[in-house]
C-alpha atoms as a PDB file:
ATOM      1  CA  MET A   1     -16.988  68.589 -12.099  1.00  0.00           C
ATOM      2  CA  PHE A   2     -16.655  65.025 -13.430  1.00  0.00           C
ATOM      3  CA  TYR A   3     -13.180  63.793 -12.503  1.00  0.00           C
ATOM      4  CA  VAL A   4     -12.759  65.343  -9.039  1.00  0.00           C
ATOM      5  CA  PRO A   5     -15.857  63.504  -7.731  1.00  0.00           C
ATOM      6  CA  PHE A   6     -14.670  60.358  -9.547  1.00  0.00           C
ATOM      7  CA  ILE A   7     -11.271  60.491  -7.834  1.00  0.00           C
ATOM      8  CA  ALA A   8     -12.855  61.218  -4.450  1.00  0.00           C
ATOM      9  CA  GLY A   9     -15.237  58.280  -4.811  1.00  0.00           C
ATOM     10  CA  THR A  10     -12.430  55.965  -5.874  1.00  0.00           C
ATOM     11  CA  ILE A  11     -10.136  56.827  -2.954  1.00  0.00           C
ATOM     12  CA  VAL A  12     -12.856  56.778  -0.289  1.00  0.00           C
ATOM     13  CA  GLY A  13     -14.282  53.570  -1.731  1.00  0.00           C
ATOM     14  CA  GLY A  14     -11.047  51.631  -1.555  1.00  0.00           C
ATOM     15  CA  GLY A  15      -8.704  52.643  -4.338  1.00  0.00           C
ATOM     16  CA  ILE A  16      -7.907  51.776  -7.933  1.00  0.00           C
ATOM     17  CA  SER A  17      -8.869  48.353  -9.283  1.00  0.00           C
ATOM     18  CA  TRP A  18      -9.712  46.742 -12.613  1.00  0.00           C
ATOM     19  CA  PRO A  19     -13.431  47.516 -12.247  1.00  0.00           C
ATOM     20  CA  VAL A  20     -12.589  51.163 -11.496  1.00  0.00           C
ATOM     21  CA  GLY A  21     -10.470  51.223 -14.638  1.00  0.00           C
ATOM     22  CA  TRP A  22     -13.369  49.930 -16.714  1.00  0.00           C
ATOM     23  CA  LEU A  23     -15.676  52.470 -15.093  1.00  0.00           C
ATOM     24  CA  PHE A  24     -13.204  55.238 -15.918  1.00  0.00           C
ATOM     25  CA  ILE A  25     -13.104  54.167 -19.576  1.00  0.00           C
ATOM     26  CA  ALA A  26     -16.875  53.805 -19.892  1.00  0.00           C
ATOM     27  CA  THR A  27     -17.851  57.039 -18.158  1.00  0.00           C
ATOM     28  CA  SER A  28     -15.102  59.075 -19.827  1.00  0.00           C
ATOM     29  CA  ALA A  29     -16.160  57.862 -23.270  1.00  0.00           C
ATOM     30  CA  LEU A  30     -19.785  58.770 -22.624  1.00  0.00           C
ATOM     31  CA  PHE A  31     -18.800  62.117 -21.132  1.00  0.00           C
ATOM     32  CA  ILE A  32     -16.632  63.001 -24.144  1.00  0.00           C
ATOM     33  CA  SER A  33     -19.338  61.832 -26.563  1.00  0.00           C
ATOM     34  CA  ARG A  34     -21.559  64.706 -25.412  1.00  0.00           C
ATOM     35  CA  GLU A  35     -19.632  67.152 -27.620  1.00  0.00           C
ATOM     36  CA  SER A  36     -20.118  64.964 -30.690  1.00  0.00           C
ATOM     37  CA  LEU A  37     -23.807  64.596 -29.850  1.00  0.00           C
ATOM     38  CA  LEU A  38     -24.169  68.381 -29.749  1.00  0.00           C
ATOM     39  CA  ARG A  39     -22.492  68.690 -33.147  1.00  0.00           C
ATOM     40  CA  VAL A  40     -24.857  66.091 -34.619  1.00  0.00           C
ATOM     41  CA  TRP A  41     -27.905  67.846 -33.198  1.00  0.00           C
ATOM     42  CA  ARG A  42     -26.740  71.242 -34.439  1.00  0.00           C
ATOM     43  CA  ARG A  43     -25.509  70.100 -37.877  1.00  0.00           C
ATOM     44  CA  ARG A  44     -27.264  66.968 -39.120  1.00  0.00           C
ATOM     45  CA  THR A  45     -24.801  66.552 -41.983  1.00  0.00           C
ATOM     46  CA  ASP A  46     -21.687  66.420 -39.775  1.00  0.00           C
ATOM     47  CA  HIS A  47     -20.561  62.871 -40.640  1.00  0.00           C
ATOM     48  CA  ALA A  48     -17.291  63.135 -38.679  1.00  0.00           C
ATOM     49  CA  ALA A  49     -19.272  63.929 -35.530  1.00  0.00           C
ATOM     50  CA  ARG A  50     -21.537  60.933 -36.183  1.00  0.00           C
ATOM     51  CA  VAL A  51     -18.555  58.592 -36.440  1.00  0.00           C
ATOM     52  CA  THR A  52     -16.951  60.027 -33.303  1.00  0.00           C
ATOM     53  CA  LEU A  53     -20.236  59.721 -31.434  1.00  0.00           C
ATOM     54  CA  LEU A  54     -20.599  56.102 -32.517  1.00  0.00           C
ATOM     55  CA  VAL A  55     -17.039  55.211 -31.450  1.00  0.00           C
ATOM     56  CA  HIS A  56     -17.354  56.824 -28.024  1.00  0.00           C
ATOM     57  CA  THR A  57     -20.776  55.294 -27.460  1.00  0.00           C
ATOM     58  CA  LEU A  58     -19.465  51.827 -28.333  1.00  0.00           C
ATOM     59  CA  ILE A  59     -16.511  52.236 -25.966  1.00  0.00           C
ATOM     60  CA  GLY A  60     -18.859  53.347 -23.193  1.00  0.00           C
ATOM     61  CA  ALA A  61     -21.236  50.459 -23.906  1.00  0.00           C
ATOM     62  CA  ILE A  62     -18.421  47.888 -23.851  1.00  0.00           C
ATOM     63  CA  GLY A  63     -17.176  49.225 -20.513  1.00  0.00           C
ATOM     64  CA  GLY A  64     -20.701  49.116 -19.113  1.00  0.00           C
ATOM     65  CA  VAL A  65     -21.283  45.546 -20.284  1.00  0.00           C
ATOM     66  CA  VAL A  66     -18.010  44.413 -18.685  1.00  0.00           C
ATOM     67  CA  LEU A  67     -18.967  46.029 -15.373  1.00  0.00           C
ATOM     68  CA  LEU A  68     -22.408  44.445 -15.421  1.00  0.00           C
ATOM     69  CA  LEU A  69     -21.697  40.960 -16.765  1.00  0.00           C
ATOM     70  CA  CYS A  70     -18.130  40.325 -15.578  1.00  0.00           C
ATOM     71  CA  PHE A  71     -18.045  42.193 -12.264  1.00  0.00           C
ATOM     72  CA  HIS A  72     -21.807  42.190 -11.490  1.00  0.00           C
ATOM     73  CA  PHE A  73     -22.141  45.846 -10.493  1.00  0.00           C
ATOM     74  CA  TYR A  74     -25.843  45.867 -11.333  1.00  0.00           C
ATOM     75  CA  LEU A  75     -26.660  48.830  -9.093  1.00  0.00           C
ATOM     76  CA  LEU A  76     -24.740  51.029 -11.535  1.00  0.00           C
ATOM     77  CA  LEU A  77     -27.884  51.056 -13.647  1.00  0.00           C
ATOM     78  CA  TRP A  78     -29.557  53.210 -10.989  1.00  0.00           C
ATOM     79  CA  LEU A  79     -26.881  55.840 -11.632  1.00  0.00           C
ATOM     80  CA  ALA A  80     -26.230  55.333 -15.332  1.00  0.00           C
ATOM     81  CA  LEU A  81     -29.820  55.665 -16.540  1.00  0.00           C
ATOM     82  CA  PRO A  82     -30.707  58.936 -14.748  1.00  0.00           C
ATOM     83  CA  GLY A  83     -27.205  60.291 -15.427  1.00  0.00           C
ATOM     84  CA  MET A  84     -27.511  59.693 -19.165  1.00  0.00           C
ATOM     85  CA  LEU A  85     -31.035  61.089 -19.175  1.00  0.00           C
ATOM     86  CA  LEU A  86     -29.912  64.283 -17.432  1.00  0.00           C
ATOM     87  CA  LEU A  87     -27.006  64.732 -19.853  1.00  0.00           C
ATOM     88  CA  LEU A  88     -29.259  64.094 -22.853  1.00  0.00           C
ATOM     89  CA  VAL A  89     -31.721  66.723 -21.638  1.00  0.00           C
ATOM     90  CA  ASN A  90     -28.873  69.155 -21.024  1.00  0.00           C
ATOM     91  CA  GLY A  91     -27.389  68.360 -24.433  1.00  0.00           C
ATOM     92  CA  TRP A  92     -30.750  68.945 -26.106  1.00  0.00           C
ATOM     93  CA  GLN A  93     -30.948  72.317 -24.348  1.00  0.00           C
ATOM     94  CA  ALA A  94     -27.386  73.138 -25.422  1.00  0.00           C
ATOM     95  CA  SER A  95     -28.171  72.294 -29.037  1.00  0.00           C
ATOM     96  CA  ARG A  96     -30.831  74.992 -28.894  1.00  0.00           C
ATOM     97  CA  ARG A  97     -28.501  77.467 -27.164  1.00  0.00           C
ATOM     98  CA  ALA A  98     -30.579  77.212 -23.992  1.00  0.00           C
ATOM     99  CA  ASP A  99     -27.922  75.660 -21.756  1.00  0.00           C
ATOM    100  CA  ARG A 100     -26.662  78.830 -20.075  1.00  0.00           C
ATOM    101  CA  THR A 101     -29.445  79.270 -17.556  1.00  0.00           C
ATOM    102  CA  ILE A 102     -28.842  78.513 -13.896  1.00  0.00           C
ATOM    103  CA  SER A 103     -31.342  75.639 -13.914  1.00  0.00           C
ATOM    104  CA  THR A 104     -29.776  73.875 -16.909  1.00  0.00           C
ATOM    105  CA  GLU A 105     -26.248  74.265 -15.532  1.00  0.00           C
ATOM    106  CA  ILE A 106     -27.393  72.836 -12.193  1.00  0.00           C
ATOM    107  CA  LEU A 107     -28.948  69.931 -14.102  1.00  0.00           C
ATOM    108  CA  ALA A 108     -25.637  69.237 -15.839  1.00  0.00           C
ATOM    109  CA  ILE A 109     -23.761  69.294 -12.520  1.00  0.00           C
ATOM    110  CA  ALA A 110     -26.271  66.868 -10.987  1.00  0.00           C
ATOM    111  CA  ALA A 111     -25.431  64.428 -13.794  1.00  0.00           C
ATOM    112  CA  LEU A 112     -21.662  64.948 -13.893  1.00  0.00           C
ATOM    113  CA  THR A 113     -21.180  64.525 -10.143  1.00  0.00           C
ATOM    114  CA  LEU A 114     -22.867  61.109 -10.235  1.00  0.00           C
ATOM    115  CA  SER A 115     -19.331  59.935 -11.026  1.00  0.00           C
ATOM    116  CA  ALA A 116     -18.658  60.116  -7.262  1.00  0.00           C
ATOM    117  CA  PRO A 117     -21.178  57.485  -6.096  1.00  0.00           C
ATOM    118  CA  ALA A 118     -20.448  55.340  -9.159  1.00  0.00           C
ATOM    119  CA  ALA A 119     -16.718  55.266  -8.402  1.00  0.00           C
ATOM    120  CA  HIS A 120     -17.315  54.695  -4.681  1.00  0.00           C
ATOM    121  CA  TYR A 121     -19.624  51.752  -5.361  1.00  0.00           C
ATOM    122  CA  VAL A 122     -17.291  50.127  -7.884  1.00  0.00           C
ATOM    123  CA  ALA A 123     -14.135  50.745  -5.812  1.00  0.00           C
ATOM    124  CA  GLY A 124     -15.582  49.358  -2.585  1.00  0.00           C
ATOM    125  CA  GLY A 125     -18.247  46.981  -3.802  1.00  0.00           C
ATOM    126  CA  HIS A 126     -20.829  48.375  -1.402  1.00  0.00           C
ATOM    127  CA  TRP A 127     -23.596  50.949  -1.468  1.00  0.00           C
ATOM    128  CA  ASN A 128     -24.190  52.955   1.702  1.00  0.00           C
ATOM    129  CA  VAL A 129     -24.734  56.420   3.150  1.00  0.00           C
ATOM    130  CA  THR A 130     -21.201  57.468   2.193  1.00  0.00           C
ATOM    131  CA  THR A 131     -21.971  56.663  -1.445  1.00  0.00           C
ATOM    132  CA  TRP A 132     -24.743  59.229  -1.564  1.00  0.00           C
ATOM    133  CA  LEU A 133     -22.992  61.724   0.683  1.00  0.00           C
ATOM    134  CA  LEU A 134     -20.135  61.895  -1.830  1.00  0.00           C
ATOM    135  CA  TRP A 135     -22.626  62.842  -4.527  1.00  0.00           C
ATOM    136  CA  GLY A 136     -24.363  65.383  -2.299  1.00  0.00           C
ATOM    137  CA  LEU A 137     -21.118  67.089  -1.298  1.00  0.00           C
ATOM    138  CA  SER A 138     -19.831  67.128  -4.884  1.00  0.00           C
ATOM    139  CA  PHE A 139     -23.104  68.583  -6.132  1.00  0.00           C
ATOM    140  CA  LEU A 140     -23.204  71.284  -3.443  1.00  0.00           C
ATOM    141  CA  TYR A 141     -19.574  72.170  -4.099  1.00  0.00           C
ATOM    142  CA  PHE A 142     -19.722  72.558  -7.873  1.00  0.00           C
ATOM    143  CA  ALA A 143     -23.124  74.242  -7.847  1.00  0.00           C
ATOM    144  CA  SER A 144     -21.353  77.083  -6.068  1.00  0.00           C
ATOM    145  CA  SER A 145     -19.388  77.896  -9.222  1.00  0.00           C
ATOM    146  CA  VAL A 146     -22.619  78.359 -11.187  1.00  0.00           C
ATOM    147  CA  PHE A 147     -23.905  81.050  -8.840  1.00  0.00           C
ATOM    148  CA  TYR A 148     -20.504  82.648  -8.249  1.00  0.00           C
ATOM    149  CA  VAL A 149     -19.304  82.917 -11.862  1.00  0.00           C
ATOM    150  CA  ARG A 150     -22.705  84.099 -13.050  1.00  0.00           C
ATOM    151  CA  TYR A 151     -22.692  86.745 -10.331  1.00  0.00           C
ATOM    152  CA  ARG A 152     -19.201  87.935 -11.326  1.00  0.00           C
ATOM    153  CA  VAL A 153     -20.100  88.154 -15.022  1.00  0.00           C
ATOM    154  CA  THR A 154     -23.535  89.720 -14.535  1.00  0.00           C
ATOM    155  CA  SER A 155     -22.367  92.279 -11.988  1.00  0.00           C
ATOM    156  CA  LEU A 156     -19.910  93.756 -14.506  1.00  0.00           C
ATOM    157  CA  HIS A 157     -21.522  93.079 -17.876  1.00  0.00           C
ATOM    158  CA  GLY A 158     -25.219  92.733 -17.110  1.00  0.00           C
ATOM    159  CA  ARG A 159     -27.491  95.403 -18.575  1.00  0.00           C
ATOM    160  CA  ASP A 160     -30.745  94.666 -16.780  1.00  0.00           C
ATOM    161  CA  PRO A 161     -30.631  95.980 -13.173  1.00  0.00           C
ATOM    162  CA  GLU A 162     -33.339  93.531 -12.098  1.00  0.00           C
ATOM    163  CA  VAL A 163     -31.403  90.557 -13.470  1.00  0.00           C
ATOM    164  CA  LYS A 164     -28.208  91.765 -11.799  1.00  0.00           C
ATOM    165  CA  ARG A 165     -30.014  92.100  -8.479  1.00  0.00           C
ATOM    166  CA  ARG A 166     -31.627  88.661  -8.759  1.00  0.00           C
ATOM    167  CA  VAL A 167     -28.384  86.907  -9.684  1.00  0.00           C
ATOM    168  CA  SER A 168     -26.553  88.669  -6.858  1.00  0.00           C
ATOM    169  CA  MET A 169     -29.187  87.642  -4.316  1.00  0.00           C
ATOM    170  CA  LEU A 170     -29.186  84.020  -5.493  1.00  0.00           C
ATOM    171  CA  SER A 171     -25.405  83.786  -5.153  1.00  0.00           C
ATOM    172  CA  LEU A 172     -25.379  85.464  -1.760  1.00  0.00           C
ATOM    173  CA  LEU A 173     -28.233  83.321  -0.442  1.00  0.00           C
ATOM    174  CA  TYR A 174     -26.625  80.104  -1.688  1.00  0.00           C
ATOM    175  CA  HIS A 175     -23.298  80.833  -0.032  1.00  0.00           C
ATOM    176  CA  LEU A 176     -24.932  81.887   3.220  1.00  0.00           C
ATOM    177  CA  LEU A 177     -27.020  78.715   3.366  1.00  0.00           C
ATOM    178  CA  LEU A 178     -24.169  76.423   2.293  1.00  0.00           C
ATOM    179  CA  PRO A 179     -22.277  76.409   5.639  1.00  0.00           C
ATOM    180  CA  ILE A 180     -25.557  75.857   7.514  1.00  0.00           C
ATOM    181  CA  ILE A 181     -26.355  72.823   5.374  1.00  0.00           C
ATOM    182  CA  LEU A 182     -22.844  71.460   5.867  1.00  0.00           C
ATOM    183  CA  VAL A 183     -22.956  71.878   9.635  1.00  0.00           C
ATOM    184  CA  ILE A 184     -26.271  70.004   9.757  1.00  0.00           C
ATOM    185  CA  ILE A 185     -24.810  67.174   7.657  1.00  0.00           C
ATOM    186  CA  ILE A 186     -21.678  66.958   9.815  1.00  0.00           C
ATOM    187  CA  VAL A 187     -23.532  67.047  13.148  1.00  0.00           C
ATOM    188  CA  ARG A 188     -26.316  64.622  12.183  1.00  0.00           C
ATOM    189  CA  GLY A 189     -23.956  62.153  10.558  1.00  0.00           C
ATOM    190  CA  ASP A 190     -21.054  62.610  12.993  1.00  0.00           C
ATOM    191  CA  TRP A 191     -18.701  63.406  10.126  1.00  0.00           C
ATOM    192  CA  SER A 192     -15.337  65.144  10.324  1.00  0.00           C
ATOM    193  CA  SER A 193     -15.237  68.946  10.370  1.00  0.00           C
ATOM    194  CA  LEU A 194     -12.785  68.662   7.471  1.00  0.00           C
ATOM    195  CA  LEU A 195     -15.846  68.450   5.239  1.00  0.00           C
ATOM    196  CA  LEU A 196     -16.724  72.009   6.211  1.00  0.00           C
ATOM    197  CA  ALA A 197     -13.098  73.082   5.723  1.00  0.00           C
ATOM    198  CA  ALA A 198     -13.248  71.658   2.179  1.00  0.00           C
ATOM    199  CA  PHE A 199     -15.882  74.272   1.318  1.00  0.00           C
ATOM    200  CA  LEU A 200     -14.380  77.244   3.147  1.00  0.00           C
ATOM    201  CA  PRO A 201     -12.306  78.595   0.214  1.00  0.00           C
ATOM    202  CA  ILE A 202     -15.323  78.894  -2.088  1.00  0.00           C
ATOM    203  CA  ILE A 203     -17.576  80.268   0.649  1.00  0.00           C
ATOM    204  CA  VAL A 204     -15.024  82.913   1.622  1.00  0.00           C
ATOM    205  CA  ARG A 205     -14.275  83.887  -1.981  1.00  0.00           C
ATOM    206  CA  ALA A 206     -17.964  84.347  -2.771  1.00  0.00           C
ATOM    207  CA  LEU A 207     -18.860  86.340   0.357  1.00  0.00           C
ATOM    208  CA  PHE A 208     -15.724  88.470   0.071  1.00  0.00           C
ATOM    209  CA  HIS A 209     -16.559  89.475  -3.496  1.00  0.00           C
ATOM    210  CA  HIS A 210     -20.108  90.272  -2.472  1.00  0.00           C
ATOM    211  CA  LEU A 211     -18.750  92.657   0.153  1.00  0.00           C
ATOM    212  CA  ARG A 212     -16.090  94.069  -2.164  1.00  0.00           C
ATOM    213  CA  PRO A 213     -17.185  93.568  -5.812  1.00  0.00           C
ATOM    214  CA  PRO A 214     -14.140  93.455  -8.144  1.00  0.00           C
ATOM    215  CA  ALA A 215     -13.882  96.176 -10.772  1.00  0.00           C
ATOM    216  CA  THR A 216     -12.463  93.805 -13.425  1.00  0.00           C
ATOM    217  CA  LEU A 217     -13.240  90.335 -14.738  1.00  0.00           C
ATOM    218  CA  ASN A 218     -10.554  87.821 -15.731  1.00  0.00           C
ATOM    219  CA  LEU A 219     -12.259  84.515 -16.549  1.00  0.00           C
ATOM    220  CA  LYS A 220      -8.962  82.672 -17.035  1.00  0.00           C
ATOM    221  CA  GLN A 221      -7.819  83.718 -13.574  1.00  0.00           C
ATOM    222  CA  ILE A 222     -11.166  82.734 -12.095  1.00  0.00           C
ATOM    223  CA  GLY A 223     -10.935  79.350 -13.811  1.00  0.00           C
ATOM    224  CA  LEU A 224      -7.446  78.644 -12.462  1.00  0.00           C
ATOM    225  CA  ARG A 225      -8.544  79.557  -8.953  1.00  0.00           C
ATOM    226  CA  GLU A 226     -11.578  77.311  -9.224  1.00  0.00           C
ATOM    227  CA  ILE A 227      -9.266  74.423 -10.175  1.00  0.00           C
ATOM    228  CA  ALA A 228      -7.100  75.132  -7.122  1.00  0.00           C
ATOM    229  CA  TYR A 229     -10.167  75.243  -4.877  1.00  0.00           C
ATOM    230  CA  ALA A 230     -11.368  71.944  -6.378  1.00  0.00           C
ATOM    231  CA  VAL A 231      -8.052  70.280  -5.489  1.00  0.00           C
ATOM    232  CA  ILE A 232      -8.415  71.531  -1.910  1.00  0.00           C
ATOM    233  CA  PHE A 233     -11.974  70.209  -1.852  1.00  0.00           C
ATOM    234  CA  LEU A 234     -10.762  66.819  -3.096  1.00  0.00           C
ATOM    235  CA  ILE A 235      -7.971  66.503  -0.524  1.00  0.00           C
ATOM    236  CA  LEU A 236     -10.028  67.584   2.496  1.00  0.00           C
ATOM    237  CA  THR A 237     -13.118  65.606   1.497  1.00  0.00           C
ATOM    238  CA  VAL A 238     -11.110  62.420   1.093  1.00  0.00           C
ATOM    239  CA  ALA A 239      -9.333  63.079   4.421  1.00  0.00           C
ATOM    240  CA  GLY A 240     -12.632  63.769   6.158  1.00  0.00           C
ATOM    241  CA  MET A 241     -14.371  60.652   4.860  1.00  0.00           C
ATOM    242  CA  SER A 242     -11.558  58.101   4.855  1.00  0.00           C
END
């Protein structure tokens, strides 16, 4: 959810460069620091977590300063500030064990996928419609996993029939609306149909399992398939936007 959009933004934007390298270091450090932040919030006396958090935050800050002062990518602030705010809110929810709702997971994805426009801007040096489209596509793609995985888990292990029905309907509705949204984006923006093809694996897998619900649940297998689908999404999205 973080690195696939980053790679897509980098390739579409123009490729690897020194600024992209600094962005990779800064954003990765801040992304990794989230785990230490959660440990600090949950256990105030965890000194190792405090040190790790400080180190990662300093690395992220140094990378950000270099990008701003040496390479003058000032528009990054418009992505960094809301991105950090979203992750802080999500981290605060996670520290209180309230991060497993659909809304909080969607919030986390909105923040993580900001790596796409950030990488595109830094790689190409410009900010345009493609910059935001990369974020929109990445967000729509990874939000699918929230609805799909929750549907798979709830359908087999949920105890409340009303919750099972609601989760099932949300997943089905999302994956029925997704191709419509993509077609509108492609037609209005005159984009390649490869962008729709990039989403087909996850749309088909969701609708198929709604028609024929599996009798077993293997989260490791689901995870590996989601990684494979993400690679397909990356390749076709880059091909469709390059």
